[in-house]
Amino acid sequence: MEKELRRKELFSLLGELPARPKISHKLVLKEEKENYVLEKLVLDLNGIEKVPAYFVHPKAEGPFPTILFNHSHGGFYHLGKDEMLNGNVYLQNPPYAEELTKLGYAALCIDMWGFGERRGRTESEIFKHMLWTGRVMWGMMVYDNLQAIDYLLSREDVIGDRIGTLGISLGSTMAWWTAALDTRIKVCVDICCLTDFQALIDSRGLDGHGIYYYVPKLLNHFTTAEINALIAPRAHLSLAGNHDKLTPPAGLDRIDEELKRIYAEEGASDKWNLLRYDVGHFETADMRAEIVSFLNKWL
């Protein structure tokens, strides 16, 4: 009960959100790629702005365990959901569409506000407009992701109790927020952005994140560890670079200590793992191998 109250508290910080409309979708194109099937979709998740998306699945009969893939930022506004299909400069090959479908998973990736086929206004413009209307850009981004889970559950080719989420950078933060707020996520994998808020302040790293990242009054209610505690006892793998300015080492120490304690108290010590590497802000081959192993074990 306490966790549910804290979840509601966290959700309440996301600004004025739309009433949760009935989700609809339009299949724009379905095509067979070399190693998987691709669906190009337009989803109505928020009743305000349509959300282009990609859904990929193996060339086999479903249903499939499914990953909600969260694309990164990096200033690649043109990329958005295409990151799942084509990869990015800080991700290993093959791209996750190929990697996940090869392993037997389906995957969904939506364009977040201001990215991919939703670009046309700058991040700053979107943030300011939303601020004037009582909305929080991060809140609206998270809201779309939560609605995307509803869409996945409406599909007959998705195994509803085997949904995971993963991403790097912005996508990492989106993964742990989504898993914290929605218990339908069974497995969370975050790559290179488990950022302790106070450590980021102490290291003067606030400008490392775009304006989208900042939620009014958040630090009056939650630390990073307290948000991530809402994921326990579900499986959670975090991968970080010790030289990544977005994840100051002192903050990683603090989060890891707290989550080890919480997972132990809940009898799930084996379901939390923070792996650290002497690298910067990118996925290594070793990280990718650990992610594949973790997904295969818990999803």
Protein backbone atom coordinates (compact mmCIF):
# COMPACT_ATOMS: atom_id res chain seq x y z
CA MET A 1 0.00 0.00 0.00
CA GLU A 2 2.82 2.42 0.84
CA LYS A 3 4.37 1.87 -2.59
CA GLU A 4 1.06 2.57 -4.30
CA LEU A 5 0.73 5.83 -2.39
CA ARG A 6 4.25 6.81 -3.37
CA ARG A 7 3.54 5.87 -6.98
CA LYS A 8 0.50 8.16 -6.96
CA GLU A 9 2.61 10.90 -5.41
CA LEU A 10 5.22 10.56 -8.15
CA PHE A 11 2.54 10.55 -10.84
CA SER A 12 0.98 13.68 -9.34
CA LEU A 13 4.21 15.62 -9.98
CA LEU A 14 3.91 15.15 -13.75
CA GLY A 15 1.68 18.18 -14.27
CA GLU A 16 -1.77 18.36 -15.78
CA LEU A 17 -2.21 15.25 -17.88
CA PRO A 18 -4.94 14.36 -20.37
CA ALA A 19 -7.81 12.13 -19.32
CA ARG A 20 -6.76 8.67 -20.41
CA PRO A 21 -8.56 8.33 -23.76
CA LYS A 22 -9.42 5.10 -25.47
CA ILE A 23 -6.34 4.28 -27.49
CA SER A 24 -6.64 3.89 -31.23
CA HIS A 25 -4.10 3.01 -33.87
CA LYS A 26 -3.59 3.13 -37.59
CA LEU A 27 -1.37 0.68 -39.43
CA VAL A 28 0.47 2.76 -42.04
CA LEU A 29 2.69 0.06 -43.48
CA LYS A 30 3.68 -3.53 -42.78
CA GLU A 31 6.82 -4.85 -44.37
CA GLU A 32 9.04 -7.87 -44.08
CA LYS A 33 12.65 -7.02 -43.37
CA GLU A 34 15.52 -9.48 -43.70
CA ASN A 35 15.30 -10.63 -40.08
CA TYR A 36 11.97 -9.37 -38.73
CA VAL A 37 8.56 -7.91 -39.55
CA LEU A 38 8.11 -4.14 -39.20
CA GLU A 39 4.85 -2.31 -38.62
CA LYS A 40 4.76 1.46 -39.06
CA LEU A 41 1.97 2.82 -36.87
CA VAL A 42 0.29 6.03 -35.84
CA LEU A 43 -1.09 5.82 -32.31
CA ASP A 44 -3.56 8.09 -30.54
CA LEU A 45 -2.21 7.94 -26.99
CA ASN A 46 -2.99 11.36 -25.55
CA GLY A 47 -5.87 12.87 -27.51
CA ILE A 48 -3.72 15.91 -28.37
CA GLU A 49 -1.01 14.87 -30.81
CA LYS A 50 -0.73 11.65 -32.81
CA VAL A 51 2.27 9.44 -32.01
CA PRO A 52 4.16 7.67 -34.81
CA ALA A 53 5.60 4.33 -33.72
CA TYR A 54 7.38 1.19 -34.89
CA PHE A 55 6.45 -2.31 -33.80
CA VAL A 56 8.76 -5.16 -34.76
CA HIS A 57 8.42 -8.87 -34.19
CA PRO A 58 10.18 -12.09 -35.25
CA LYS A 59 9.22 -13.94 -38.40
CA ALA A 60 7.27 -16.47 -36.38
CA GLU A 61 3.89 -16.98 -34.82
CA GLY A 62 3.26 -14.98 -31.65
CA PRO A 63 2.48 -14.09 -29.02
CA PHE A 64 5.85 -12.70 -27.96
CA PRO A 65 7.44 -11.28 -24.82
CA THR A 66 7.79 -7.62 -25.68
CA ILE A 67 10.17 -4.72 -25.01
CA LEU A 68 9.06 -1.10 -24.81
CA PHE A 69 12.19 0.47 -26.31
CA ASN A 70 12.85 4.09 -25.36
CA HIS A 71 14.91 6.14 -27.79
CA SER A 72 17.62 8.54 -26.62
CA HIS A 73 18.12 12.29 -26.97
CA GLY A 74 21.71 13.29 -27.76
CA GLY A 75 20.40 16.18 -29.87
CA PHE A 76 19.29 13.63 -32.51
CA TYR A 77 15.81 15.11 -32.87
CA HIS A 78 15.52 13.74 -36.40
CA LEU A 79 16.11 10.18 -35.23
CA GLY A 80 13.55 9.32 -32.54
CA LYS A 81 12.11 5.86 -33.01
CA ASP A 82 14.50 5.17 -35.93
CA GLU A 83 17.14 4.53 -33.27
CA MET A 84 15.53 1.14 -32.65
CA LEU A 85 15.88 0.20 -36.33
CA ASN A 86 19.18 1.85 -37.22
CA GLY A 87 21.08 2.19 -33.95
CA ASN A 88 23.02 5.25 -32.78
CA VAL A 89 26.59 6.40 -32.24
CA TYR A 90 26.65 5.26 -28.60
CA LEU A 91 24.90 1.92 -29.13
CA GLN A 92 26.41 -1.40 -30.15
CA ASN A 93 25.53 -3.25 -33.32
CA PRO A 94 23.26 -4.82 -34.30
CA PRO A 95 20.51 -2.27 -33.68
CA TYR A 96 18.00 -3.33 -31.05
CA ALA A 97 15.26 -4.17 -33.57
CA GLU A 98 17.51 -6.92 -34.93
CA GLU A 99 18.92 -7.94 -31.55
CA LEU A 100 15.58 -8.28 -29.80
CA THR A 101 13.70 -10.03 -32.59
CA LYS A 102 16.60 -12.47 -33.02
CA LEU A 103 16.11 -13.37 -29.35
CA GLY A 104 12.39 -13.95 -29.84
CA TYR A 105 11.07 -10.61 -28.53
CA ALA A 106 8.75 -8.11 -30.13
CA ALA A 107 9.46 -4.42 -29.51
CA LEU A 108 7.64 -1.10 -29.69
CA CYS A 109 9.24 2.34 -29.93
CA ILE A 110 7.32 5.60 -30.10
CA ASP A 111 8.51 9.03 -31.16
CA MET A 112 8.61 11.15 -28.01
CA TRP A 113 7.51 14.79 -28.02
CA GLY A 114 9.73 16.80 -30.37
CA PHE A 115 11.51 13.79 -31.93
CA GLY A 116 11.29 11.88 -35.19
CA GLU A 117 8.02 12.50 -36.98
CA ARG A 118 6.86 14.69 -34.07
CA ARG A 119 9.54 17.32 -34.60
CA GLY A 120 8.77 20.80 -35.89
CA ARG A 121 8.90 22.69 -32.61
CA THR A 122 12.05 22.95 -30.55
CA GLU A 123 12.34 21.26 -27.18
CA SER A 124 12.45 24.68 -25.53
CA GLU A 125 9.32 25.81 -27.36
CA ILE A 126 7.40 22.70 -26.34
CA PHE A 127 8.54 23.03 -22.73
CA LYS A 128 7.53 26.70 -22.51
CA HIS A 129 4.12 26.15 -24.10
CA MET A 130 3.40 23.25 -21.77
CA LEU A 131 4.56 25.28 -18.76
CA TRP A 132 2.03 27.99 -19.58
CA THR A 133 -0.78 25.42 -19.65
CA GLY A 134 0.19 23.64 -16.43
CA ARG A 135 1.86 20.75 -18.19
CA VAL A 136 5.32 19.30 -17.69
CA MET A 137 7.18 18.10 -20.77
CA TRP A 138 8.69 15.10 -18.99
CA GLY A 139 5.25 14.30 -17.60
CA MET A 140 3.71 14.26 -21.06
CA MET A 141 6.54 12.09 -22.37
CA VAL A 142 6.09 9.60 -19.53
CA TYR A 143 2.33 9.68 -20.01
CA ASP A 144 2.69 8.63 -23.66
CA ASN A 145 4.92 5.76 -22.59
CA LEU A 146 2.40 4.53 -20.02
CA GLN A 147 -0.31 4.72 -22.65
CA ALA A 148 1.93 2.74 -25.00
CA ILE A 149 1.80 -0.12 -22.50
CA ASP A 150 -2.00 -0.04 -22.78
CA TYR A 151 -1.61 -0.29 -26.55
CA LEU A 152 0.72 -3.28 -26.22
CA LEU A 153 -1.77 -5.06 -24.00
CA SER A 154 -4.44 -4.61 -26.66
CA ARG A 155 -2.40 -6.68 -29.13
CA GLU A 156 -2.98 -10.41 -29.36
CA ASP A 157 0.65 -11.01 -30.35
CA VAL A 158 1.99 -9.57 -27.07
CA ILE A 159 2.33 -11.66 -23.89
CA GLY A 160 0.86 -9.25 -21.38
CA ASP A 161 2.75 -10.46 -18.32
CA ARG A 162 6.12 -10.46 -20.09
CA ILE A 163 6.75 -6.80 -20.94
CA GLY A 164 10.11 -5.17 -20.33
CA THR A 165 11.54 -1.74 -21.03
CA LEU A 166 15.02 -0.51 -21.92
CA GLY A 167 16.91 2.44 -23.36
CA ILE A 168 20.05 4.55 -23.23
CA SER A 169 20.45 8.15 -22.03
CA LEU A 170 16.99 9.80 -22.18
CA GLY A 171 15.72 6.29 -22.92
CA SER A 172 17.40 5.02 -19.76
CA THR A 173 15.66 7.62 -17.60
CA MET A 174 12.39 6.83 -19.35
CA ALA A 175 12.88 3.12 -18.62
CA TRP A 176 13.22 3.55 -14.85
CA TRP A 177 10.46 6.13 -14.57
CA THR A 178 8.09 3.92 -16.58
CA ALA A 179 8.92 0.83 -14.54
CA ALA A 180 8.57 2.77 -11.28
CA LEU A 181 5.10 4.04 -12.22
CA ASP A 182 3.70 0.93 -13.89
CA THR A 183 3.92 -2.52 -12.35
CA ARG A 184 2.98 -4.10 -15.67
CA ILE A 185 6.66 -3.70 -16.57
CA LYS A 186 8.30 -6.94 -15.49
CA VAL A 187 11.93 -6.09 -16.35
CA CYS A 188 13.75 -2.75 -16.52
CA VAL A 189 17.13 -2.20 -18.19
CA ASP A 190 18.64 1.28 -18.10
CA ILE A 191 21.86 2.17 -19.91
CA CYS A 192 24.01 5.16 -18.95
CA CYS A 193 21.59 7.47 -17.19
CA LEU A 194 20.80 6.32 -13.66
CA THR A 195 21.54 9.82 -12.38
CA ASP A 196 21.45 10.70 -8.71
CA PHE A 197 19.90 14.17 -8.68
CA GLN A 198 21.91 15.55 -5.78
CA ALA A 199 25.17 14.23 -7.20
CA LEU A 200 24.35 15.92 -10.49
CA ILE A 201 23.85 19.22 -8.64
CA ASP A 202 27.05 18.76 -6.64
CA SER A 203 29.07 18.08 -9.80
CA ARG A 204 27.48 21.06 -11.57
CA GLY A 205 26.11 18.77 -14.26
CA LEU A 206 22.59 20.16 -14.60
CA ASP A 207 23.22 21.50 -18.10
CA GLY A 208 24.13 18.01 -19.25
CA HIS A 209 20.41 17.31 -19.56
CA GLY A 210 17.97 19.13 -21.79
CA ILE A 211 15.15 21.21 -20.33
CA TYR A 212 12.74 18.29 -20.92
CA TYR A 213 14.30 16.45 -17.95
CA TYR A 214 13.28 18.79 -15.15
CA VAL A 215 10.11 18.20 -13.13
CA PRO A 216 8.92 21.00 -10.79
CA LYS A 217 9.23 20.22 -7.08
CA LEU A 218 10.57 16.71 -7.74
CA LEU A 219 13.44 16.99 -5.25
CA ASN A 220 11.00 18.03 -2.52
CA HIS A 221 9.45 14.57 -2.78
CA PHE A 222 11.88 12.01 -4.26
CA THR A 223 15.50 11.07 -4.63
CA THR A 224 16.57 8.96 -7.59
CA ALA A 225 16.89 5.94 -5.31
CA GLU A 226 13.37 6.48 -3.98
CA ILE A 227 11.93 6.48 -7.50
CA ASN A 228 13.83 3.32 -8.39
CA ALA A 229 12.76 1.65 -5.14
CA LEU A 230 9.25 1.56 -6.63
CA ILE A 231 10.52 -0.97 -9.18
CA ALA A 232 11.50 -3.49 -6.48
CA PRO A 233 11.17 -6.46 -6.32
CA ARG A 234 10.91 -6.61 -10.13
CA ALA A 235 14.07 -7.30 -12.14
CA HIS A 236 16.22 -4.22 -12.78
CA LEU A 237 19.60 -4.05 -14.50
CA SER A 238 21.48 -0.75 -14.63
CA LEU A 239 24.67 -0.20 -16.62
CA ALA A 240 26.83 2.88 -16.12
CA GLY A 241 30.14 4.41 -17.13
CA ASN A 242 32.36 5.64 -14.31
CA HIS A 243 33.56 8.46 -16.59
CA ASP A 244 30.05 9.47 -17.67
CA LYS A 245 29.37 13.04 -16.51
CA LEU A 246 25.64 12.31 -16.44
CA THR A 247 26.10 9.62 -13.78
CA PRO A 248 28.52 10.99 -11.15
CA PRO A 249 30.20 8.07 -9.33
CA ALA A 250 29.22 9.27 -5.84
CA GLY A 251 25.59 9.18 -6.92
CA LEU A 252 25.91 5.67 -8.32
CA ASP A 253 27.40 4.56 -4.99
CA ARG A 254 24.44 6.05 -3.14
CA ILE A 255 21.79 4.52 -5.40
CA ASP A 256 23.42 1.09 -5.39
CA GLU A 257 23.71 0.99 -1.61
CA GLU A 258 20.07 1.96 -1.15
CA LEU A 259 18.67 -0.41 -3.77
CA LYS A 260 20.75 -3.34 -2.54
CA ARG A 261 19.20 -2.80 0.88
CA ILE A 262 15.66 -2.54 -0.48
CA TYR A 263 15.92 -5.56 -2.77
CA ALA A 264 17.41 -7.61 0.09
CA GLU A 265 14.54 -6.62 2.37
CA GLU A 266 12.09 -7.80 -0.28
CA GLY A 267 13.91 -11.11 -0.75
CA ALA A 268 14.95 -10.26 -4.30
CA SER A 269 18.67 -9.45 -4.08
CA ASP A 270 19.33 -11.27 -7.35
CA LYS A 271 16.94 -9.01 -9.25
CA TRP A 272 18.91 -5.78 -8.82
CA ASN A 273 22.28 -5.33 -10.47
CA LEU A 274 24.30 -2.19 -11.16
CA LEU A 275 27.22 -2.86 -13.47
CA ARG A 276 29.87 -0.16 -13.80
CA TYR A 277 32.52 0.21 -16.48
CA ASP A 278 35.50 2.53 -16.86
CA VAL A 279 33.97 4.22 -19.89
CA GLY A 280 31.88 7.26 -20.77
CA HIS A 281 28.36 7.64 -22.10
CA PHE A 282 27.99 4.66 -24.42
CA GLU A 283 27.04 0.99 -24.54
CA THR A 284 29.95 -1.47 -24.71
CA ALA A 285 29.94 -4.99 -26.15
CA ASP A 286 30.14 -6.34 -22.60
CA MET A 287 27.10 -4.27 -21.62
CA ARG A 288 25.13 -5.66 -24.57
CA ALA A 289 26.02 -9.23 -23.57
CA GLU A 290 24.87 -8.57 -19.99
CA ILE A 291 21.59 -7.07 -21.23
CA VAL A 292 20.84 -10.07 -23.41
CA SER A 293 21.61 -12.44 -20.54
CA PHE A 294 19.45 -10.45 -18.10
CA LEU A 295 16.47 -10.34 -20.46
CA ASN A 296 16.73 -14.04 -21.18
CA LYS A 297 16.82 -14.79 -17.46
CA TRP A 298 13.99 -12.57 -16.25
CA LEU A 299 11.70 -11.99 -19.24
